[in-house]
């Protein structure tokens, strides 16, 4: 069963969040360190606004910082795997056969 994703506004990432993200990316100096990996970030790279306290753990309005898109999404995937580790699957996987 696919997880519910919702719109960006429903997930708390609507127009206000996107404006804040854009402002921070424009104000970022070249070579600023990533909040996750510490490597320098440059304007031509994919950069996202990252919740330092994950939203799943109550960090909706908490502190934010800029991070590489890869680093931000990797951190989210790692957290999701830790939170759901050991839970039984509700649906059996089926193979698509031709």
PDB file of N, CA and C in Angstrom:
ATOM      1  N   UNK A   1       0.839  -1.173   0.000  1.00  0.00           N
ATOM      2  CA  UNK A   1       0.000   0.000   0.000  1.00  0.00           C
ATOM      3  C   UNK A   1       0.890   1.243   0.000  1.00  0.00           C
ATOM      4  N   UNK A   2       0.632   2.151  -0.919  1.00  0.00           N
ATOM      5  CA  UNK A   2       1.428   3.369  -1.017  1.00  0.00           C
ATOM      6  C   UNK A   2       1.108   4.296   0.152  1.00  0.00           C
ATOM      7  N   UNK A   3       2.121   4.985   0.609  1.00  0.00           N
ATOM      8  CA  UNK A   3       1.883   5.905   1.713  1.00  0.00           C
ATOM      9  C   UNK A   3       1.269   7.189   1.185  1.00  0.00           C
ATOM     10  N   UNK A   4       0.501   7.863   2.038  1.00  0.00           N
ATOM     11  CA  UNK A   4      -0.159   9.101   1.662  1.00  0.00           C
ATOM     12  C   UNK A   4       0.873  10.206   1.609  1.00  0.00           C
ATOM     13  N   UNK A   5       0.915  10.933   0.526  1.00  0.00           N
ATOM     14  CA  UNK A   5       1.893  12.000   0.389  1.00  0.00           C
ATOM     15  C   UNK A   5       1.264  13.370   0.576  1.00  0.00           C
ATOM     16  N   UNK A   6       0.059  13.586   0.073  1.00  0.00           N
ATOM     17  CA  UNK A   6      -0.598  14.882   0.212  1.00  0.00           C
ATOM     18  C   UNK A   6       0.092  15.960  -0.610  1.00  0.00           C
ATOM     19  N   UNK A   7      -0.544  17.118  -0.650  1.00  0.00           N
ATOM     20  CA  UNK A   7       0.041  18.249  -1.371  1.00  0.00           C
ATOM     21  C   UNK A   7       1.102  18.896  -0.491  1.00  0.00           C
ATOM     22  N   UNK A   8       1.896  19.775  -1.093  1.00  0.00           N
ATOM     23  CA  UNK A   8       2.927  20.450  -0.307  1.00  0.00           C
ATOM     24  C   UNK A   8       2.297  21.280   0.811  1.00  0.00           C
ATOM     25  N   UNK A   9       1.175  21.911   0.557  1.00  0.00           N
ATOM     26  CA  UNK A   9       0.499  22.704   1.586  1.00  0.00           C
ATOM     27  C   UNK A   9      -0.006  21.810   2.704  1.00  0.00           C
ATOM     28  N   UNK A  10      -0.596  20.668   2.371  1.00  0.00           N
ATOM     29  CA  UNK A  10      -1.091  19.744   3.387  1.00  0.00           C
ATOM     30  C   UNK A  10       0.044  19.193   4.246  1.00  0.00           C
ATOM     31  N   UNK A  11       1.236  19.092   3.680  1.00  0.00           N
ATOM     32  CA  UNK A  11       2.378  18.570   4.424  1.00  0.00           C
ATOM     33  C   UNK A  11       3.133  19.668   5.158  1.00  0.00           C
ATOM     34  N   UNK A  12       2.643  20.908   5.093  1.00  0.00           N
ATOM     35  CA  UNK A  12       3.304  22.010   5.779  1.00  0.00           C
ATOM     36  C   UNK A  12       4.445  22.613   4.993  1.00  0.00           C
ATOM     37  N   UNK A  13       4.504  22.331   3.694  1.00  0.00           N
ATOM     38  CA  UNK A  13       5.582  22.837   2.850  1.00  0.00           C
ATOM     39  C   UNK A  13       5.015  23.683   1.713  1.00  0.00           C
ATOM     40  N   UNK A  14       4.028  24.521   2.050  1.00  0.00           N
ATOM     41  CA  UNK A  14       3.337  25.325   1.051  1.00  0.00           C
ATOM     42  C   UNK A  14       4.121  26.551   0.623  1.00  0.00           C
ATOM     43  N   UNK A  15       3.394  27.572   0.198  1.00  0.00           N
ATOM     44  CA  UNK A  15       4.001  28.775  -0.372  1.00  0.00           C
ATOM     45  C   UNK A  15       4.930  29.489   0.607  1.00  0.00           C
ATOM     46  N   UNK A  16       4.538  29.588   1.859  1.00  0.00           N
ATOM     47  CA  UNK A  16       5.374  30.282   2.847  1.00  0.00           C
ATOM     48  C   UNK A  16       6.713  29.560   3.016  1.00  0.00           C
ATOM     49  N   UNK A  17       6.679  28.236   3.083  1.00  0.00           N
ATOM     50  CA  UNK A  17       7.914  27.451   3.234  1.00  0.00           C
ATOM     51  C   UNK A  17       8.789  27.613   1.995  1.00  0.00           C
ATOM     52  N   UNK A  18       8.190  27.591   0.839  1.00  0.00           N
ATOM     53  CA  UNK A  18       8.952  27.706  -0.393  1.00  0.00           C
ATOM     54  C   UNK A  18       9.583  29.086  -0.536  1.00  0.00           C
ATOM     55  N   UNK A  19       8.876  30.139  -0.089  1.00  0.00           N
ATOM     56  CA  UNK A  19       9.451  31.485  -0.107  1.00  0.00           C
ATOM     57  C   UNK A  19      10.645  31.573   0.845  1.00  0.00           C
ATOM     58  N   UNK A  20      10.492  30.999   2.042  1.00  0.00           N
ATOM     59  CA  UNK A  20      11.578  31.004   3.021  1.00  0.00           C
ATOM     60  C   UNK A  20      12.793  30.255   2.472  1.00  0.00           C
ATOM     61  N   UNK A  21      12.556  29.121   1.846  1.00  0.00           N
ATOM     62  CA  UNK A  21      13.626  28.328   1.260  1.00  0.00           C
ATOM     63  C   UNK A  21      14.353  29.117   0.174  1.00  0.00           C
ATOM     64  N   UNK A  22      13.608  29.766  -0.693  1.00  0.00           N
ATOM     65  CA  UNK A  22      14.195  30.542  -1.790  1.00  0.00           C
ATOM     66  C   UNK A  22      15.023  31.705  -1.250  1.00  0.00           C
ATOM     67  N   UNK A  23      14.502  32.406  -0.223  1.00  0.00           N
ATOM     68  CA  UNK A  23      15.241  33.512   0.385  1.00  0.00           C
ATOM     69  C   UNK A  23      16.571  33.040   0.962  1.00  0.00           C
ATOM     70  N   UNK A  24      16.542  31.915   1.681  1.00  0.00           N
ATOM     71  CA  UNK A  24      17.766  31.406   2.302  1.00  0.00           C
ATOM     72  C   UNK A  24      18.779  30.947   1.255  1.00  0.00           C
ATOM     73  N   UNK A  25      18.296  30.313   0.179  1.00  0.00           N
ATOM     74  CA  UNK A  25      19.220  29.874  -0.877  1.00  0.00           C
ATOM     75  C   UNK A  25      19.875  31.061  -1.572  1.00  0.00           C
ATOM     76  N   UNK A  26      19.106  32.142  -1.810  1.00  0.00           N
ATOM     77  CA  UNK A  26      19.674  33.323  -2.463  1.00  0.00           C
ATOM     78  C   UNK A  26      20.682  34.024  -1.567  1.00  0.00           C
ATOM     79  N   UNK A  27      20.451  34.020  -0.257  1.00  0.00           N
ATOM     80  CA  UNK A  27      21.348  34.701   0.690  1.00  0.00           C
ATOM     81  C   UNK A  27      22.577  33.862   1.038  1.00  0.00           C
ATOM     82  N   UNK A  28      22.570  32.588   0.674  1.00  0.00           N
ATOM     83  CA  UNK A  28      23.675  31.688   1.018  1.00  0.00           C
ATOM     84  C   UNK A  28      24.946  32.071   0.266  1.00  0.00           C
ATOM     85  N   UNK A  29      26.059  32.232   0.973  1.00  0.00           N
ATOM     86  CA  UNK A  29      27.320  32.509   0.264  1.00  0.00           C
ATOM     87  C   UNK A  29      27.855  31.230  -0.392  1.00  0.00           C
ATOM     88  N   UNK A  30      28.575  31.391  -1.485  1.00  0.00           N
ATOM     89  CA  UNK A  30      29.183  30.241  -2.162  1.00  0.00           C
ATOM     90  C   UNK A  30      30.138  29.531  -1.200  1.00  0.00           C
ATOM     91  N   UNK A  31      30.084  28.205  -1.160  1.00  0.00           N
ATOM     92  CA  UNK A  31      30.976  27.429  -0.319  1.00  0.00           C
ATOM     93  C   UNK A  31      30.488  27.248   1.107  1.00  0.00           C
ATOM     94  N   UNK A  32      29.261  27.696   1.402  1.00  0.00           N
ATOM     95  CA  UNK A  32      28.688  27.528   2.746  1.00  0.00           C
ATOM     96  C   UNK A  32      28.579  26.036   3.057  1.00  0.00           C
ATOM     97  N   UNK A  33      28.925  25.591   4.268  1.00  0.00           N
ATOM     98  CA  UNK A  33      28.885  24.155   4.559  1.00  0.00           C
ATOM     99  C   UNK A  33      27.462  23.607   4.682  1.00  0.00           C
ATOM    100  N   UNK A  34      27.281  22.393   4.221  1.00  0.00           N
ATOM    101  CA  UNK A  34      26.007  21.676   4.326  1.00  0.00           C
ATOM    102  C   UNK A  34      25.752  21.353   5.802  1.00  0.00           C
ATOM    103  N   UNK A  35      24.506  21.493   6.229  1.00  0.00           N
ATOM    104  CA  UNK A  35      24.151  21.208   7.618  1.00  0.00           C
ATOM    105  C   UNK A  35      24.280  19.727   7.948  1.00  0.00           C
ATOM    106  N   UNK A  36      24.213  18.854   6.962  1.00  0.00           N
ATOM    107  CA  UNK A  36      24.275  17.408   7.189  1.00  0.00           C
ATOM    108  C   UNK A  36      25.683  16.838   7.035  1.00  0.00           C
ATOM    109  N   UNK A  37      26.353  17.139   5.924  1.00  0.00           N
ATOM    110  CA  UNK A  37      27.655  16.498   5.659  1.00  0.00           C
ATOM    111  C   UNK A  37      28.850  17.428   5.864  1.00  0.00           C
ATOM    112  N   UNK A  38      28.611  18.726   5.915  1.00  0.00           N
ATOM    113  CA  UNK A  38      29.695  19.673   6.124  1.00  0.00           C
ATOM    114  C   UNK A  38      30.461  20.048   4.865  1.00  0.00           C
ATOM    115  N   UNK A  39      30.149  19.427   3.744  1.00  0.00           N
ATOM    116  CA  UNK A  39      30.813  19.749   2.478  1.00  0.00           C
ATOM    117  C   UNK A  39      30.312  21.108   1.970  1.00  0.00           C
ATOM    118  N   UNK A  40      31.115  21.829   1.204  1.00  0.00           N
ATOM    119  CA  UNK A  40      30.677  23.133   0.700  1.00  0.00           C
ATOM    120  C   UNK A  40      29.508  22.997  -0.279  1.00  0.00           C
ATOM    121  N   UNK A  41      28.622  23.987  -0.234  1.00  0.00           N
ATOM    122  CA  UNK A  41      27.473  24.024  -1.144  1.00  0.00           C
ATOM    123  C   UNK A  41      27.653  25.203  -2.094  1.00  0.00           C
ATOM    124  N   UNK A  42      27.234  25.006  -3.332  1.00  0.00           N
ATOM    125  CA  UNK A  42      27.322  26.046  -4.348  1.00  0.00           C
ATOM    126  C   UNK A  42      25.958  26.224  -4.988  1.00  0.00           C
ATOM    127  N   UNK A  43      25.713  27.409  -5.510  1.00  0.00           N
ATOM    128  CA  UNK A  43      24.385  27.759  -6.021  1.00  0.00           C
ATOM    129  C   UNK A  43      23.921  26.873  -7.174  1.00  0.00           C
ATOM    130  N   UNK A  44      24.835  26.270  -7.925  1.00  0.00           N
ATOM    131  CA  UNK A  44      24.432  25.418  -9.043  1.00  0.00           C
ATOM    132  C   UNK A  44      23.976  24.027  -8.580  1.00  0.00           C
ATOM    133  N   UNK A  45      24.202  23.702  -7.302  1.00  0.00           N
ATOM    134  CA  UNK A  45      23.806  22.394  -6.768  1.00  0.00           C
ATOM    135  C   UNK A  45      22.342  22.415  -6.328  1.00  0.00           C
ATOM    136  N   UNK A  46      21.777  21.210  -6.159  1.00  0.00           N
ATOM    137  CA  UNK A  46      20.421  21.089  -5.639  1.00  0.00           C
ATOM    138  C   UNK A  46      20.487  21.217  -4.120  1.00  0.00           C
ATOM    139  N   UNK A  47      19.873  22.274  -3.598  1.00  0.00           N
ATOM    140  CA  UNK A  47      19.936  22.579  -2.175  1.00  0.00           C
ATOM    141  C   UNK A  47      18.513  22.717  -1.643  1.00  0.00           C
ATOM    142  N   UNK A  48      18.278  22.171  -0.448  1.00  0.00           N
ATOM    143  CA  UNK A  48      16.958  22.244   0.175  1.00  0.00           C
ATOM    144  C   UNK A  48      17.063  22.813   1.576  1.00  0.00           C
ATOM    145  N   UNK A  49      15.955  23.334   2.054  1.00  0.00           N
ATOM    146  CA  UNK A  49      15.845  23.788   3.426  1.00  0.00           C
ATOM    147  C   UNK A  49      15.523  22.567   4.277  1.00  0.00           C
ATOM    148  N   UNK A  50      16.326  22.312   5.288  1.00  0.00           N
ATOM    149  CA  UNK A  50      16.259  21.085   6.072  1.00  0.00           C
ATOM    150  C   UNK A  50      15.810  21.393   7.498  1.00  0.00           C
ATOM    151  N   UNK A  51      14.872  20.602   8.019  1.00  0.00           N
ATOM    152  CA  UNK A  51      14.493  20.694   9.434  1.00  0.00           C
ATOM    153  C   UNK A  51      15.582  20.010  10.258  1.00  0.00           C
ATOM    154  N   UNK A  52      16.202  20.730  11.168  1.00  0.00           N
ATOM    155  CA  UNK A  52      17.242  20.122  11.991  1.00  0.00           C
ATOM    156  C   UNK A  52      16.646  19.130  12.983  1.00  0.00           C
ATOM    157  N   UNK A  53      15.443  19.411  13.457  1.00  0.00           N
ATOM    158  CA  UNK A  53      14.677  18.435  14.244  1.00  0.00           C
ATOM    159  C   UNK A  53      13.633  17.889  13.282  1.00  0.00           C
ATOM    160  N   UNK A  54      13.663  16.595  12.968  1.00  0.00           N
ATOM    161  CA  UNK A  54      12.744  16.048  11.961  1.00  0.00           C
ATOM    162  C   UNK A  54      11.275  16.335  12.278  1.00  0.00           C
ATOM    163  N   UNK A  55      10.510  16.602  11.239  1.00  0.00           N
ATOM    164  CA  UNK A  55       9.092  16.893  11.407  1.00  0.00           C
ATOM    165  C   UNK A  55       8.361  15.729  12.060  1.00  0.00           C
ATOM    166  N   UNK A  56       8.782  14.509  11.776  1.00  0.00           N
ATOM    167  CA  UNK A  56       8.160  13.333  12.387  1.00  0.00           C
ATOM    168  C   UNK A  56       8.358  13.285  13.890  1.00  0.00           C
ATOM    169  N   UNK A  57       9.377  13.996  14.365  1.00  0.00           N
ATOM    170  CA  UNK A  57       9.670  14.005  15.796  1.00  0.00           C
ATOM    171  C   UNK A  57       9.298  15.340  16.436  1.00  0.00           C
ATOM    172  N   UNK A  58       8.409  16.100  15.787  1.00  0.00           N
ATOM    173  CA  UNK A  58       7.896  17.331  16.366  1.00  0.00           C
ATOM    174  C   UNK A  58       8.622  18.599  15.970  1.00  0.00           C
ATOM    175  N   UNK A  59       9.452  18.577  14.963  1.00  0.00           N
ATOM    176  CA  UNK A  59      10.214  19.757  14.566  1.00  0.00           C
ATOM    177  C   UNK A  59       9.571  20.593  13.484  1.00  0.00           C
ATOM    178  N   UNK A  60       8.243  20.681  13.471  1.00  0.00           N
ATOM    179  CA  UNK A  60       7.536  21.421  12.420  1.00  0.00           C
ATOM    180  C   UNK A  60       8.002  22.874  12.337  1.00  0.00           C
ATOM    181  N   UNK A  61       8.068  23.551  13.475  1.00  0.00           N
ATOM    182  CA  UNK A  61       8.453  24.960  13.499  1.00  0.00           C
ATOM    183  C   UNK A  61       9.836  25.152  14.111  1.00  0.00           C
ATOM    184  N   UNK A  62      10.605  24.087  14.151  1.00  0.00           N
ATOM    185  CA  UNK A  62      11.927  24.131  14.768  1.00  0.00           C
ATOM    186  C   UNK A  62      12.963  24.786  13.885  1.00  0.00           C
ATOM    187  N   UNK A  63      14.212  24.702  14.280  1.00  0.00           N
ATOM    188  CA  UNK A  63      15.287  25.330  13.517  1.00  0.00           C
ATOM    189  C   UNK A  63      15.477  24.648  12.156  1.00  0.00           C
ATOM    190  N   UNK A  64      15.880  25.455  11.182  1.00  0.00           N
ATOM    191  CA  UNK A  64      16.107  24.951   9.830  1.00  0.00           C
ATOM    192  C   UNK A  64      17.487  25.394   9.357  1.00  0.00           C
ATOM    193  N   UNK A  65      18.019  24.686   8.377  1.00  0.00           N
ATOM    194  CA  UNK A  65      19.305  25.030   7.772  1.00  0.00           C
ATOM    195  C   UNK A  65      19.312  24.510   6.341  1.00  0.00           C
ATOM    196  N   UNK A  66      20.225  25.001   5.548  1.00  0.00           N
ATOM    197  CA  UNK A  66      20.353  24.532   4.178  1.00  0.00           C
ATOM    198  C   UNK A  66      21.216  23.280   4.125  1.00  0.00           C
ATOM    199  N   UNK A  67      20.820  22.357   3.259  1.00  0.00           N
ATOM    200  CA  UNK A  67      21.568  21.111   3.085  1.00  0.00           C
ATOM    201  C   UNK A  67      21.448  20.672   1.630  1.00  0.00           C
ATOM    202  N   UNK A  68      22.412  19.872   1.189  1.00  0.00           N
ATOM    203  CA  UNK A  68      22.299  19.269  -0.142  1.00  0.00           C
ATOM    204  C   UNK A  68      21.008  18.449  -0.185  1.00  0.00           C
ATOM    205  N   UNK A  69      20.368  18.409  -1.340  1.00  0.00           N
ATOM    206  CA  UNK A  69      19.144  17.624  -1.473  1.00  0.00           C
ATOM    207  C   UNK A  69      19.409  16.158  -1.121  1.00  0.00           C
ATOM    208  N   UNK A  70      20.525  15.617  -1.599  1.00  0.00           N
ATOM    209  CA  UNK A  70      20.862  14.224  -1.325  1.00  0.00           C
ATOM    210  C   UNK A  70      20.988  13.984   0.178  1.00  0.00           C
ATOM    211  N   UNK A  71      21.701  14.865   0.867  1.00  0.00           N
ATOM    212  CA  UNK A  71      21.918  14.708   2.316  1.00  0.00           C
ATOM    213  C   UNK A  71      20.604  14.788   3.088  1.00  0.00           C
ATOM    214  N   UNK A  72      19.754  15.747   2.722  1.00  0.00           N
ATOM    215  CA  UNK A  72      18.474  15.931   3.396  1.00  0.00           C
ATOM    216  C   UNK A  72      17.573  14.707   3.219  1.00  0.00           C
ATOM    217  N   UNK A  73      17.459  14.237   1.997  1.00  0.00           N
ATOM    218  CA  UNK A  73      16.569  13.101   1.735  1.00  0.00           C
ATOM    219  C   UNK A  73      17.144  11.798   2.277  1.00  0.00           C
ATOM    220  N   UNK A  74      18.451  11.674   2.294  1.00  0.00           N
ATOM    221  CA  UNK A  74      19.089  10.495   2.874  1.00  0.00           C
ATOM    222  C   UNK A  74      18.801  10.434   4.371  1.00  0.00           C
ATOM    223  N   UNK A  75      18.909  11.578   5.048  1.00  0.00           N
ATOM    224  CA  UNK A  75      18.630  11.624   6.486  1.00  0.00           C
ATOM    225  C   UNK A  75      17.177  11.234   6.771  1.00  0.00           C
ATOM    226  N   UNK A  76      16.253  11.702   5.921  1.00  0.00           N
ATOM    227  CA  UNK A  76      14.847  11.341   6.087  1.00  0.00           C
ATOM    228  C   UNK A  76      14.607   9.855   5.878  1.00  0.00           C
ATOM    229  N   UNK A  77      15.274   9.272   4.891  1.00  0.00           N
ATOM    230  CA  UNK A  77      15.120   7.840   4.620  1.00  0.00           C
ATOM    231  C   UNK A  77      15.684   7.003   5.758  1.00  0.00           C
ATOM    232  N   UNK A  78      16.821   7.409   6.297  1.00  0.00           N
ATOM    233  CA  UNK A  78      17.422   6.684   7.416  1.00  0.00           C
ATOM    234  C   UNK A  78      16.492   6.729   8.627  1.00  0.00           C
ATOM    235  N   UNK A  79      15.933   7.916   8.913  1.00  0.00           N
ATOM    236  CA  UNK A  79      15.008   8.039  10.045  1.00  0.00           C
ATOM    237  C   UNK A  79      13.778   7.163   9.832  1.00  0.00           C
ATOM    238  N   UNK A  80      13.224   7.193   8.633  1.00  0.00           N
ATOM    239  CA  UNK A  80      12.037   6.379   8.336  1.00  0.00           C
ATOM    240  C   UNK A  80      12.347   4.897   8.532  1.00  0.00           C
ATOM    241  N   UNK A  81      13.489   4.440   8.069  1.00  0.00           N
ATOM    242  CA  UNK A  81      13.859   3.031   8.236  1.00  0.00           C
ATOM    243  C   UNK A  81      14.003   2.670   9.711  1.00  0.00           C
ATOM    244  N   UNK A  82      14.561   3.573  10.512  1.00  0.00           N
ATOM    245  CA  UNK A  82      14.706   3.303  11.937  1.00  0.00           C
ATOM    246  C   UNK A  82      13.353   3.266  12.644  1.00  0.00           C
ATOM    247  N   UNK A  83      12.454   4.181  12.265  1.00  0.00           N
ATOM    248  CA  UNK A  83      11.145   4.235  12.912  1.00  0.00           C
ATOM    249  C   UNK A  83      10.291   3.015  12.587  1.00  0.00           C
ATOM    250  N   UNK A  84      10.433   2.487  11.382  1.00  0.00           N
ATOM    251  CA  UNK A  84       9.599   1.369  10.959  1.00  0.00           C
ATOM    252  C   UNK A  84      10.322   0.022  10.990  1.00  0.00           C
ATOM    253  N   UNK A  85      11.503  -0.035  11.541  1.00  0.00           N
ATOM    254  CA  UNK A  85      12.253  -1.294  11.608  1.00  0.00           C
ATOM    255  C   UNK A  85      11.519  -2.300  12.485  1.00  0.00           C
ATOM    256  N   UNK A  86      11.421  -3.516  12.016  1.00  0.00           N
ATOM    257  CA  UNK A  86      10.802  -4.581  12.795  1.00  0.00           C
ATOM    258  C   UNK A  86       9.296  -4.660  12.706  1.00  0.00           C
ATOM    259  N   UNK A  87       8.659  -3.706  12.042  1.00  0.00           N
ATOM    260  CA  UNK A  87       7.204  -3.771  11.902  1.00  0.00           C
ATOM    261  C   UNK A  87       6.844  -4.802  10.835  1.00  0.00           C
ATOM    262  N   UNK A  88       5.830  -5.594  11.089  1.00  0.00           N
ATOM    263  CA  UNK A  88       5.428  -6.565  10.067  1.00  0.00           C
ATOM    264  C   UNK A  88       4.794  -5.862   8.876  1.00  0.00           C
ATOM    265  N   UNK A  89       5.010  -6.417   7.721  1.00  0.00           N
ATOM    266  CA  UNK A  89       4.400  -5.858   6.507  1.00  0.00           C
ATOM    267  C   UNK A  89       2.932  -6.240   6.484  1.00  0.00           C
ATOM    268  N   UNK A  90       2.108  -5.298   6.078  1.00  0.00           N
ATOM    269  CA  UNK A  90       0.672  -5.563   6.052  1.00  0.00           C
ATOM    270  C   UNK A  90       0.221  -6.180   4.745  1.00  0.00           C
ATOM    271  N   UNK A  91       0.998  -6.004   3.709  1.00  0.00           N
ATOM    272  CA  UNK A  91       0.632  -6.559   2.414  1.00  0.00           C
ATOM    273  C   UNK A  91       1.784  -7.395   1.880  1.00  0.00           C
ATOM    274  N   UNK A  92       1.461  -8.526   1.347  1.00  0.00           N
ATOM    275  CA  UNK A  92       2.496  -9.367   0.747  1.00  0.00           C
ATOM    276  C   UNK A  92       2.899  -8.768  -0.597  1.00  0.00           C
ATOM    277  N   UNK A  93       4.178  -8.851  -0.895  1.00  0.00           N
ATOM    278  CA  UNK A  93       4.646  -8.373  -2.190  1.00  0.00           C
ATOM    279  C   UNK A  93       4.274  -9.382  -3.262  1.00  0.00           C
ATOM    280  N   UNK A  94       3.883  -8.864  -4.395  1.00  0.00           N
ATOM    281  CA  UNK A  94       3.568  -9.749  -5.519  1.00  0.00           C
ATOM    282  C   UNK A  94       4.502  -9.420  -6.660  1.00  0.00           C
ATOM    283  N   UNK A  95       4.866 -10.417  -7.393  1.00  0.00           N
ATOM    284  CA  UNK A  95       5.721 -10.220  -8.553  1.00  0.00           C
ATOM    285  C   UNK A  95       4.877  -9.976  -9.789  1.00  0.00           C
ATOM    286  N   UNK A  96       5.288  -9.013 -10.571  1.00  0.00           N
ATOM    287  CA  UNK A  96       4.587  -8.765 -11.838  1.00  0.00           C
ATOM    288  C   UNK A  96       5.126  -9.734 -12.871  1.00  0.00           C
ATOM    289  N   UNK A  97       4.293 -10.607 -13.311  1.00  0.00           N
ATOM    290  CA  UNK A  97       4.702 -11.598 -14.312  1.00  0.00           C
ATOM    291  C   UNK A  97       3.962 -11.327 -15.613  1.00  0.00           C
ATOM    292  N   UNK A  98       4.698 -11.464 -16.682  1.00  0.00           N
ATOM    293  CA  UNK A  98       4.119 -11.222 -18.009  1.00  0.00           C
ATOM    294  C   UNK A  98       3.404 -12.415 -18.507  1.00  0.00           C
TER     295      UNK A  98
END
